[in-house]
């Protein structure tokens, strides 16, 4: 699955502006997905698509030298492809209800919670979308610091 053409039709998606050093955050995420030629690229593209469906006002950021981050009134989720998994980390996951028990990593932390997805794992899309909506609502209801360089959602 090629990620570079998959998401171009979403004109409402925001991205941190192009830097003097190169491409925008959205372009970097496109390139990251395209560079992962195994199941991890497909999974990252699938997660991104779900985030964009849930949050048409999302800002895509590129942080920490290679991490896709999604923000709306502050950062709420990031995704990383590791050797054997794709990790979806919620910044304020410890504050979110997780009735479907999607969180399976970082459960002892006081702030973050994560979902580790391995090859062959199925995503409960309905439950994940609900969790994403809750993370956005949390950010809107609390004074969550915005990431440097991100444009706030209107």
C-alpha atoms as a PDB file:
ATOM      1  CA  UNK A   1       0.000   0.000   0.000  1.00  0.00           C
ATOM      2  CA  UNK A   2       1.492   3.304  -1.011  1.00  0.00           C
ATOM      3  CA  UNK A   3       0.915   6.058   1.525  1.00  0.00           C
ATOM      4  CA  UNK A   4       2.011   9.031  -0.545  1.00  0.00           C
ATOM      5  CA  UNK A   5      -1.118   9.290  -2.703  1.00  0.00           C
ATOM      6  CA  UNK A   6      -3.524   7.917  -0.147  1.00  0.00           C
ATOM      7  CA  UNK A   7      -4.197  11.089   1.800  1.00  0.00           C
ATOM      8  CA  UNK A   8      -3.826  13.913  -0.677  1.00  0.00           C
ATOM      9  CA  UNK A   9      -7.613  14.286  -1.051  1.00  0.00           C
ATOM     10  CA  UNK A  10      -8.027  15.638   2.516  1.00  0.00           C
ATOM     11  CA  UNK A  11      -7.769  19.412   1.974  1.00  0.00           C
ATOM     12  CA  UNK A  12      -8.826  20.296   5.530  1.00  0.00           C
ATOM     13  CA  UNK A  13      -5.819  18.564   7.092  1.00  0.00           C
ATOM     14  CA  UNK A  14      -3.310  21.056   8.416  1.00  0.00           C
ATOM     15  CA  UNK A  15       0.393  20.566   8.514  1.00  0.00           C
ATOM     16  CA  UNK A  16       3.133  22.513  10.116  1.00  0.00           C
ATOM     17  CA  UNK A  17       4.464  24.739   7.366  1.00  0.00           C
ATOM     18  CA  UNK A  18       7.401  23.712   5.252  1.00  0.00           C
ATOM     19  CA  UNK A  19      10.620  24.509   6.957  1.00  0.00           C
ATOM     20  CA  UNK A  20      13.626  26.103   5.344  1.00  0.00           C
ATOM     21  CA  UNK A  21      15.202  22.662   5.641  1.00  0.00           C
ATOM     22  CA  UNK A  22      12.640  20.762   3.611  1.00  0.00           C
ATOM     23  CA  UNK A  23       9.196  19.247   3.336  1.00  0.00           C
ATOM     24  CA  UNK A  24       6.136  19.807   5.500  1.00  0.00           C
ATOM     25  CA  UNK A  25       5.180  17.441   8.298  1.00  0.00           C
ATOM     26  CA  UNK A  26       2.474  15.829   6.148  1.00  0.00           C
ATOM     27  CA  UNK A  27       4.969  15.246   3.345  1.00  0.00           C
ATOM     28  CA  UNK A  28       7.412  13.704   5.801  1.00  0.00           C
ATOM     29  CA  UNK A  29       4.693  11.394   7.127  1.00  0.00           C
ATOM     30  CA  UNK A  30       3.847  10.415   3.533  1.00  0.00           C
ATOM     31  CA  UNK A  31       7.533   9.602   2.962  1.00  0.00           C
ATOM     32  CA  UNK A  32       7.775   7.640   6.220  1.00  0.00           C
ATOM     33  CA  UNK A  33       4.791   5.493   5.280  1.00  0.00           C
ATOM     34  CA  UNK A  34       6.198   4.919   1.778  1.00  0.00           C
ATOM     35  CA  UNK A  35       9.587   3.912   3.233  1.00  0.00           C
ATOM     36  CA  UNK A  36       8.042   1.166   5.360  1.00  0.00           C
ATOM     37  CA  UNK A  37       7.485  -1.467   2.696  1.00  0.00           C
ATOM     38  CA  UNK A  38       6.152  -4.155   5.031  1.00  0.00           C
ATOM     39  CA  UNK A  39       3.045  -4.458   7.209  1.00  0.00           C
ATOM     40  CA  UNK A  40       4.219  -1.566   9.401  1.00  0.00           C
ATOM     41  CA  UNK A  41       3.767   0.936   6.561  1.00  0.00           C
ATOM     42  CA  UNK A  42       0.274  -0.391   5.891  1.00  0.00           C
ATOM     43  CA  UNK A  43      -0.572  -0.204   9.582  1.00  0.00           C
ATOM     44  CA  UNK A  44       0.765   3.339   9.960  1.00  0.00           C
ATOM     45  CA  UNK A  45      -1.251   4.410   6.889  1.00  0.00           C
ATOM     46  CA  UNK A  46      -4.358   2.766   8.349  1.00  0.00           C
ATOM     47  CA  UNK A  47      -3.910   4.554  11.685  1.00  0.00           C
ATOM     48  CA  UNK A  48      -3.342   7.875   9.956  1.00  0.00           C
ATOM     49  CA  UNK A  49      -6.472   7.405   7.874  1.00  0.00           C
ATOM     50  CA  UNK A  50      -8.532   6.736  11.017  1.00  0.00           C
ATOM     51  CA  UNK A  51      -7.111   9.843  12.717  1.00  0.00           C
ATOM     52  CA  UNK A  52      -7.935  11.990   9.684  1.00  0.00           C
ATOM     53  CA  UNK A  53     -11.470  10.564   9.525  1.00  0.00           C
ATOM     54  CA  UNK A  54     -12.094  11.318  13.193  1.00  0.00           C
ATOM     55  CA  UNK A  55     -10.440  14.740  13.237  1.00  0.00           C
ATOM     56  CA  UNK A  56     -10.808  16.862  10.092  1.00  0.00           C
ATOM     57  CA  UNK A  57      -9.201  19.784  11.974  1.00  0.00           C
ATOM     58  CA  UNK A  58      -6.081  17.828  12.903  1.00  0.00           C
ATOM     59  CA  UNK A  59      -2.620  19.330  12.591  1.00  0.00           C
ATOM     60  CA  UNK A  60       0.072  16.892  11.547  1.00  0.00           C
ATOM     61  CA  UNK A  61       3.497  17.466  13.049  1.00  0.00           C
ATOM     62  CA  UNK A  62       6.909  15.846  12.632  1.00  0.00           C
ATOM     63  CA  UNK A  63       8.709  15.682  15.967  1.00  0.00           C
ATOM     64  CA  UNK A  64      11.785  14.221  17.577  1.00  0.00           C
ATOM     65  CA  UNK A  65      13.597  13.550  14.302  1.00  0.00           C
ATOM     66  CA  UNK A  66      11.028  11.196  12.827  1.00  0.00           C
ATOM     67  CA  UNK A  67       7.825  10.840  14.809  1.00  0.00           C
ATOM     68  CA  UNK A  68       4.415  11.618  13.295  1.00  0.00           C
ATOM     69  CA  UNK A  69       2.308  13.554  15.819  1.00  0.00           C
ATOM     70  CA  UNK A  70      -1.331  14.622  15.548  1.00  0.00           C
ATOM     71  CA  UNK A  71      -2.622  17.698  17.370  1.00  0.00           C
ATOM     72  CA  UNK A  72      -5.899  19.487  18.004  1.00  0.00           C
ATOM     73  CA  UNK A  73      -5.778  22.026  20.823  1.00  0.00           C
ATOM     74  CA  UNK A  74      -2.478  20.364  21.726  1.00  0.00           C
ATOM     75  CA  UNK A  75      -0.803  17.078  20.877  1.00  0.00           C
ATOM     76  CA  UNK A  76      -2.975  14.036  21.502  1.00  0.00           C
ATOM     77  CA  UNK A  77      -1.425  11.051  19.729  1.00  0.00           C
ATOM     78  CA  UNK A  78       1.799   9.942  18.059  1.00  0.00           C
ATOM     79  CA  UNK A  79       2.788   6.845  16.122  1.00  0.00           C
ATOM     80  CA  UNK A  80       6.100   5.044  15.785  1.00  0.00           C
ATOM     81  CA  UNK A  81       7.075   2.049  13.715  1.00  0.00           C
ATOM     82  CA  UNK A  82       9.403  -0.211  15.663  1.00  0.00           C
ATOM     83  CA  UNK A  83      11.147  -3.374  14.480  1.00  0.00           C
ATOM     84  CA  UNK A  84       8.307  -5.679  15.531  1.00  0.00           C
ATOM     85  CA  UNK A  85       5.348  -3.353  16.154  1.00  0.00           C
ATOM     86  CA  UNK A  86       3.649  -0.060  15.502  1.00  0.00           C
ATOM     87  CA  UNK A  87       3.051   1.917  18.687  1.00  0.00           C
ATOM     88  CA  UNK A  88       0.212   4.429  18.956  1.00  0.00           C
ATOM     89  CA  UNK A  89       0.790   6.585  22.034  1.00  0.00           C
ATOM     90  CA  UNK A  90      -1.810   8.880  23.581  1.00  0.00           C
ATOM     91  CA  UNK A  91      -0.311  11.861  25.405  1.00  0.00           C
ATOM     92  CA  UNK A  92      -3.016  11.975  28.085  1.00  0.00           C
ATOM     93  CA  UNK A  93      -4.009   8.327  27.879  1.00  0.00           C
ATOM     94  CA  UNK A  94      -4.045   7.846  31.648  1.00  0.00           C
ATOM     95  CA  UNK A  95      -6.889  10.376  31.808  1.00  0.00           C
ATOM     96  CA  UNK A  96      -9.004   8.653  29.146  1.00  0.00           C
ATOM     97  CA  UNK A  97     -11.659   6.005  29.596  1.00  0.00           C
ATOM     98  CA  UNK A  98     -10.717   2.825  27.771  1.00  0.00           C
ATOM     99  CA  UNK A  99     -13.801   0.593  28.052  1.00  0.00           C
ATOM    100  CA  UNK A 100     -12.644  -1.689  25.232  1.00  0.00           C
ATOM    101  CA  UNK A 101      -9.197  -2.021  26.843  1.00  0.00           C
ATOM    102  CA  UNK A 102      -7.259  -1.031  23.759  1.00  0.00           C
ATOM    103  CA  UNK A 103      -4.331   0.266  25.802  1.00  0.00           C
ATOM    104  CA  UNK A 104      -1.811  -2.523  26.248  1.00  0.00           C
ATOM    105  CA  UNK A 105       1.418  -0.605  26.958  1.00  0.00           C
ATOM    106  CA  UNK A 106       2.504   2.112  29.364  1.00  0.00           C
ATOM    107  CA  UNK A 107      -0.220   1.098  31.784  1.00  0.00           C
ATOM    108  CA  UNK A 108       1.856   2.012  34.838  1.00  0.00           C
ATOM    109  CA  UNK A 109       2.589   5.550  33.665  1.00  0.00           C
ATOM    110  CA  UNK A 110       0.863   8.555  35.136  1.00  0.00           C
ATOM    111  CA  UNK A 111       0.235  10.322  31.827  1.00  0.00           C
ATOM    112  CA  UNK A 112       0.772   8.375  28.613  1.00  0.00           C
ATOM    113  CA  UNK A 113      -0.871   5.155  27.447  1.00  0.00           C
ATOM    114  CA  UNK A 114      -0.093   3.225  24.287  1.00  0.00           C
ATOM    115  CA  UNK A 115      -1.430   0.584  21.971  1.00  0.00           C
ATOM    116  CA  UNK A 116       1.209  -1.805  20.632  1.00  0.00           C
ATOM    117  CA  UNK A 117       0.111  -3.352  17.345  1.00  0.00           C
ATOM    118  CA  UNK A 118       1.932  -6.380  15.991  1.00  0.00           C
ATOM    119  CA  UNK A 119       1.785  -8.049  12.573  1.00  0.00           C
ATOM    120  CA  UNK A 120      -1.601  -9.677  12.148  1.00  0.00           C
ATOM    121  CA  UNK A 121      -3.309  -7.737  14.947  1.00  0.00           C
ATOM    122  CA  UNK A 122      -6.771  -6.446  14.121  1.00  0.00           C
ATOM    123  CA  UNK A 123      -7.765  -2.915  15.007  1.00  0.00           C
ATOM    124  CA  UNK A 124     -11.141  -2.367  16.612  1.00  0.00           C
ATOM    125  CA  UNK A 125     -11.771   0.704  14.466  1.00  0.00           C
ATOM    126  CA  UNK A 126     -14.921   1.758  16.257  1.00  0.00           C
ATOM    127  CA  UNK A 127     -13.251   1.611  19.678  1.00  0.00           C
ATOM    128  CA  UNK A 128     -10.120   3.355  18.422  1.00  0.00           C
ATOM    129  CA  UNK A 129     -12.158   6.157  16.856  1.00  0.00           C
ATOM    130  CA  UNK A 130     -13.994   6.611  20.166  1.00  0.00           C
ATOM    131  CA  UNK A 131     -10.664   6.796  22.001  1.00  0.00           C
ATOM    132  CA  UNK A 132      -9.343   9.370  19.522  1.00  0.00           C
ATOM    133  CA  UNK A 133     -12.492  11.475  19.942  1.00  0.00           C
ATOM    134  CA  UNK A 134     -12.104  11.304  23.693  1.00  0.00           C
ATOM    135  CA  UNK A 135      -8.459  12.424  23.452  1.00  0.00           C
ATOM    136  CA  UNK A 136      -9.492  15.433  21.353  1.00  0.00           C
ATOM    137  CA  UNK A 137     -12.285  16.286  23.799  1.00  0.00           C
ATOM    138  CA  UNK A 138      -9.811  16.044  26.673  1.00  0.00           C
ATOM    139  CA  UNK A 139      -7.501  18.526  24.955  1.00  0.00           C
ATOM    140  CA  UNK A 140     -10.356  20.931  24.272  1.00  0.00           C
ATOM    141  CA  UNK A 141     -11.550  20.792  27.892  1.00  0.00           C
ATOM    142  CA  UNK A 142      -8.120  21.198  29.507  1.00  0.00           C
ATOM    143  CA  UNK A 143      -5.232  23.628  29.168  1.00  0.00           C
ATOM    144  CA  UNK A 144      -3.011  21.285  27.189  1.00  0.00           C
ATOM    145  CA  UNK A 145       0.206  22.948  26.005  1.00  0.00           C
ATOM    146  CA  UNK A 146       0.492  23.228  22.257  1.00  0.00           C
ATOM    147  CA  UNK A 147       3.580  21.924  20.591  1.00  0.00           C
ATOM    148  CA  UNK A 148       6.120  24.465  19.406  1.00  0.00           C
ATOM    149  CA  UNK A 149       5.582  25.222  15.741  1.00  0.00           C
ATOM    150  CA  UNK A 150       2.067  23.768  15.566  1.00  0.00           C
ATOM    151  CA  UNK A 151      -0.773  25.870  14.356  1.00  0.00           C
ATOM    152  CA  UNK A 152      -3.811  25.702  16.621  1.00  0.00           C
ATOM    153  CA  UNK A 153      -7.046  24.333  15.240  1.00  0.00           C
ATOM    154  CA  UNK A 154      -9.435  27.188  14.451  1.00  0.00           C
END
